Structures are given as C-alpha cells and as structure tokens.
N, C-alpha and C. Protein backbone atom coordinates (compact mmCIF):
# COMPACT_ATOMS: atom_id res chain seq x y z
N MET A 1 0.82 -1.06 0.10
CA MET A 1 -0.16 -0.02 -0.05
C MET A 1 0.82 1.22 0.03
N ALA A 2 0.50 2.14 -0.77
CA ALA A 2 1.18 3.48 -0.95
C ALA A 2 1.15 4.44 0.30
N GLU A 3 2.29 4.76 0.86
CA GLU A 3 2.36 5.95 1.86
C GLU A 3 1.42 6.86 1.62
N PHE A 4 0.76 7.40 2.53
CA PHE A 4 -0.05 8.62 2.54
C PHE A 4 0.42 9.69 3.31
N SER A 5 0.22 10.91 3.21
CA SER A 5 0.92 12.00 3.93
C SER A 5 0.25 13.11 3.73
N PHE A 6 0.28 14.07 4.70
CA PHE A 6 -0.65 15.49 4.71
C PHE A 6 -0.14 16.32 5.51
N GLU A 7 -0.06 17.59 5.25
CA GLU A 7 0.36 18.66 6.02
C GLU A 7 -0.73 19.70 6.04
N ILE A 8 -0.96 20.31 7.33
CA ILE A 8 -1.98 21.32 7.30
C ILE A 8 -1.05 22.52 7.10
N VAL A 9 -1.10 23.14 5.91
CA VAL A 9 -0.39 24.27 5.58
C VAL A 9 -1.03 25.72 6.16
N GLU A 10 -2.18 25.69 6.41
CA GLU A 10 -2.87 26.96 7.04
C GLU A 10 -4.12 26.62 7.83
N LYS A 11 -4.15 26.89 8.97
CA LYS A 11 -5.47 26.68 9.81
C LYS A 11 -6.24 27.90 9.76
N LEU A 12 -7.60 27.74 9.20
CA LEU A 12 -8.43 28.81 9.09
C LEU A 12 -9.35 29.06 10.08
N LEU A 13 -10.14 28.02 10.44
CA LEU A 13 -11.40 28.27 11.24
C LEU A 13 -11.79 26.93 12.00
N VAL A 14 -11.93 27.12 13.15
CA VAL A 14 -12.37 25.50 13.90
C VAL A 14 -13.97 26.01 13.97
N LEU A 15 -14.74 25.20 13.44
CA LEU A 15 -16.34 25.13 13.33
C LEU A 15 -16.93 24.62 14.65
N SER A 16 -16.42 23.55 15.14
CA SER A 16 -17.15 23.12 16.49
C SER A 16 -16.19 22.03 16.98
N GLU A 17 -16.45 21.56 18.16
CA GLU A 17 -15.71 20.51 18.89
C GLU A 17 -16.51 19.78 19.51
N ASN A 18 -16.35 18.20 19.35
CA ASN A 18 -17.18 17.37 20.33
C ASN A 18 -16.83 16.98 21.59
N GLU A 19 -17.57 16.06 22.31
CA GLU A 19 -17.21 15.96 23.73
C GLU A 19 -15.66 15.03 24.10
N LYS A 20 -15.34 14.49 22.95
CA LYS A 20 -14.05 13.75 22.61
C LYS A 20 -12.96 14.69 22.47
N GLY A 21 -13.18 15.96 21.98
CA GLY A 21 -11.82 16.89 21.82
C GLY A 21 -11.69 16.96 20.28
N TRP A 22 -12.52 16.30 19.31
CA TRP A 22 -12.23 16.31 17.94
C TRP A 22 -12.93 17.58 17.58
N THR A 23 -12.14 18.27 16.46
CA THR A 23 -12.87 19.57 16.14
C THR A 23 -13.16 19.43 14.71
N LYS A 24 -14.20 20.03 14.15
CA LYS A 24 -14.36 20.10 12.86
C LYS A 24 -13.71 21.50 12.25
N GLU A 25 -12.85 21.42 11.47
CA GLU A 25 -12.14 22.57 10.92
C GLU A 25 -12.19 22.89 9.46
N LEU A 26 -11.90 24.13 8.91
CA LEU A 26 -11.64 24.50 7.83
C LEU A 26 -10.11 24.94 7.66
N ASN A 27 -9.27 24.25 6.91
CA ASN A 27 -7.85 24.43 7.07
C ASN A 27 -7.64 24.25 5.30
N ARG A 28 -6.48 24.48 5.14
CA ARG A 28 -5.53 24.44 3.72
C ARG A 28 -4.64 23.26 3.89
N VAL A 29 -4.86 22.12 3.12
CA VAL A 29 -4.14 20.80 3.57
C VAL A 29 -3.49 20.39 1.93
N SER A 30 -2.36 20.00 2.22
CA SER A 30 -1.75 19.45 1.08
C SER A 30 -1.47 17.94 1.44
N PHE A 31 -2.24 17.23 0.51
CA PHE A 31 -1.95 15.79 0.63
C PHE A 31 -1.15 15.21 -0.47
N ASN A 32 -0.23 14.40 0.33
CA ASN A 32 0.67 13.58 -0.46
C ASN A 32 1.52 14.63 -1.25
N GLY A 33 1.90 15.90 -0.94
CA GLY A 33 2.93 16.92 -1.46
C GLY A 33 2.14 17.58 -2.49
N ALA A 34 0.81 17.45 -2.77
CA ALA A 34 0.21 18.27 -3.86
C ALA A 34 -0.21 19.37 -3.25
N GLU A 35 -0.49 20.39 -4.58
CA GLU A 35 -0.94 21.56 -3.89
C GLU A 35 -2.02 21.87 -2.97
N PRO A 36 -1.79 22.54 -1.99
CA PRO A 36 -3.06 22.51 -0.86
C PRO A 36 -4.22 23.08 -1.67
N LYS A 37 -5.35 22.53 -0.94
CA LYS A 37 -6.75 22.83 -1.00
C LYS A 37 -7.30 23.07 0.39
N TYR A 38 -8.48 23.64 -0.14
CA TYR A 38 -9.55 24.04 1.20
C TYR A 38 -9.88 22.75 1.66
N ASP A 39 -10.09 22.49 3.04
CA ASP A 39 -10.28 21.19 3.36
C ASP A 39 -11.10 21.35 4.57
N ILE A 40 -12.47 20.38 4.71
CA ILE A 40 -13.27 20.87 5.94
C ILE A 40 -13.63 19.05 6.30
N ARG A 41 -13.18 18.98 7.61
CA ARG A 41 -13.03 17.70 7.99
C ARG A 41 -12.56 17.78 9.60
N SER A 42 -13.26 16.56 10.33
CA SER A 42 -12.98 16.36 11.85
C SER A 42 -11.59 15.98 11.78
N TRP A 43 -10.89 16.48 13.09
CA TRP A 43 -9.54 16.30 13.57
C TRP A 43 -9.44 16.00 14.85
N SER A 44 -8.47 14.69 15.08
CA SER A 44 -8.32 14.43 16.46
C SER A 44 -7.73 15.57 17.47
N PRO A 45 -7.61 15.41 18.53
CA PRO A 45 -6.91 16.87 19.19
C PRO A 45 -5.57 17.06 18.80
N ASP A 46 -4.88 16.08 18.61
CA ASP A 46 -3.37 16.43 18.11
C ASP A 46 -3.03 16.46 16.77
N HIS A 47 -4.30 16.22 15.94
CA HIS A 47 -4.10 16.36 14.45
C HIS A 47 -3.42 15.18 13.82
N SER A 48 -3.39 14.05 14.57
CA SER A 48 -2.57 12.88 13.91
C SER A 48 -3.79 11.99 13.22
N LYS A 49 -4.94 12.32 13.46
CA LYS A 49 -6.02 11.26 12.95
C LYS A 49 -7.24 12.21 12.30
N MET A 50 -7.70 12.05 11.32
CA MET A 50 -8.85 12.75 10.39
C MET A 50 -9.80 11.96 10.26
N GLY A 51 -11.12 12.46 10.27
CA GLY A 51 -12.47 11.83 9.82
C GLY A 51 -12.85 12.27 8.45
N LYS A 52 -13.73 11.74 7.70
CA LYS A 52 -14.03 11.96 6.49
C LYS A 52 -14.50 13.44 6.20
N GLY A 53 -14.05 13.85 5.16
CA GLY A 53 -14.29 15.53 4.74
C GLY A 53 -14.33 15.43 3.31
N ILE A 54 -14.01 16.98 2.96
CA ILE A 54 -14.42 17.43 1.57
C ILE A 54 -13.28 18.32 1.52
N THR A 55 -12.81 18.23 0.29
CA THR A 55 -11.45 19.10 -0.06
C THR A 55 -12.14 20.09 -1.49
N LEU A 56 -11.70 21.20 -1.50
CA LEU A 56 -12.33 22.16 -2.62
C LEU A 56 -10.96 22.56 -3.11
N THR A 57 -10.75 22.80 -4.47
CA THR A 57 -9.80 23.78 -5.30
C THR A 57 -9.94 25.08 -4.67
N ASN A 58 -9.07 25.96 -5.47
CA ASN A 58 -9.27 27.43 -5.04
C ASN A 58 -10.45 28.04 -5.78
N GLU A 59 -10.66 27.31 -6.93
CA GLU A 59 -11.80 27.81 -7.91
C GLU A 59 -12.98 27.47 -6.92
N GLU A 60 -12.90 26.04 -6.79
CA GLU A 60 -14.56 25.60 -6.20
C GLU A 60 -14.73 26.48 -4.83
N PHE A 61 -13.85 26.76 -4.09
CA PHE A 61 -13.93 27.39 -2.91
C PHE A 61 -14.35 28.95 -3.10
N GLN A 62 -14.03 29.54 -4.26
CA GLN A 62 -14.41 31.01 -4.53
C GLN A 62 -15.87 30.83 -5.01
N VAL A 63 -16.20 29.98 -5.81
CA VAL A 63 -17.63 29.66 -6.08
C VAL A 63 -18.48 29.80 -4.85
N LEU A 64 -18.09 29.12 -4.01
CA LEU A 64 -18.81 28.70 -2.69
C LEU A 64 -19.04 30.28 -1.94
N LEU A 65 -17.99 30.82 -1.86
CA LEU A 65 -17.75 32.24 -1.31
C LEU A 65 -18.87 33.33 -2.15
N ASP A 66 -18.64 33.10 -3.29
CA ASP A 66 -19.48 33.84 -4.15
C ASP A 66 -21.02 33.82 -4.03
N GLU A 67 -21.31 32.55 -4.01
CA GLU A 67 -22.77 32.14 -3.73
C GLU A 67 -23.15 32.47 -2.30
N PHE A 68 -22.58 32.36 -1.31
CA PHE A 68 -22.76 32.86 0.25
C PHE A 68 -22.72 34.33 0.15
N SER A 69 -22.15 35.12 -0.72
CA SER A 69 -21.96 36.45 -0.62
C SER A 69 -23.27 37.22 -1.14
N LYS A 70 -24.03 36.70 -2.06
CA LYS A 70 -25.19 37.21 -2.81
C LYS A 70 -26.34 37.48 -1.60
C-alpha cells in the first residue's frame, strides 16, 4: 500500500468541537505533497487522525464564497 501523507499548511477556522475533543475545521491541506486545497473535516486533538471530509480547489472555494455573499 502506498504511503499517505498530509500537511496542514494553514489553519483557518474551527467550526465545532465534540465531547471527545475532535474539532471540525476549515484548513488548507496538502495531501501527498500536492498543491494545498481547502479542506473541511474532523481532526483528533493532536491532528494525527482525521475523519471523512471534503476538499475544494481554489476555484471551487471561490464559487462557494461568491454564492454565500449574494
């Protein structure tokens, strides 16, 4: 199995925290050394584990921002 790596390049916003300390966050994350993308997902308190999430390119994130600003 290929090695998986990630790096949180920029922490932007903590949306919520559950009773176990996991936080749902909006960050810019680089997966496997690729260009960082906007990423919304749950993270363990030490950020060593992640839950399922969604990643958005810069263009997709801009569309989202444009729609919410109408």
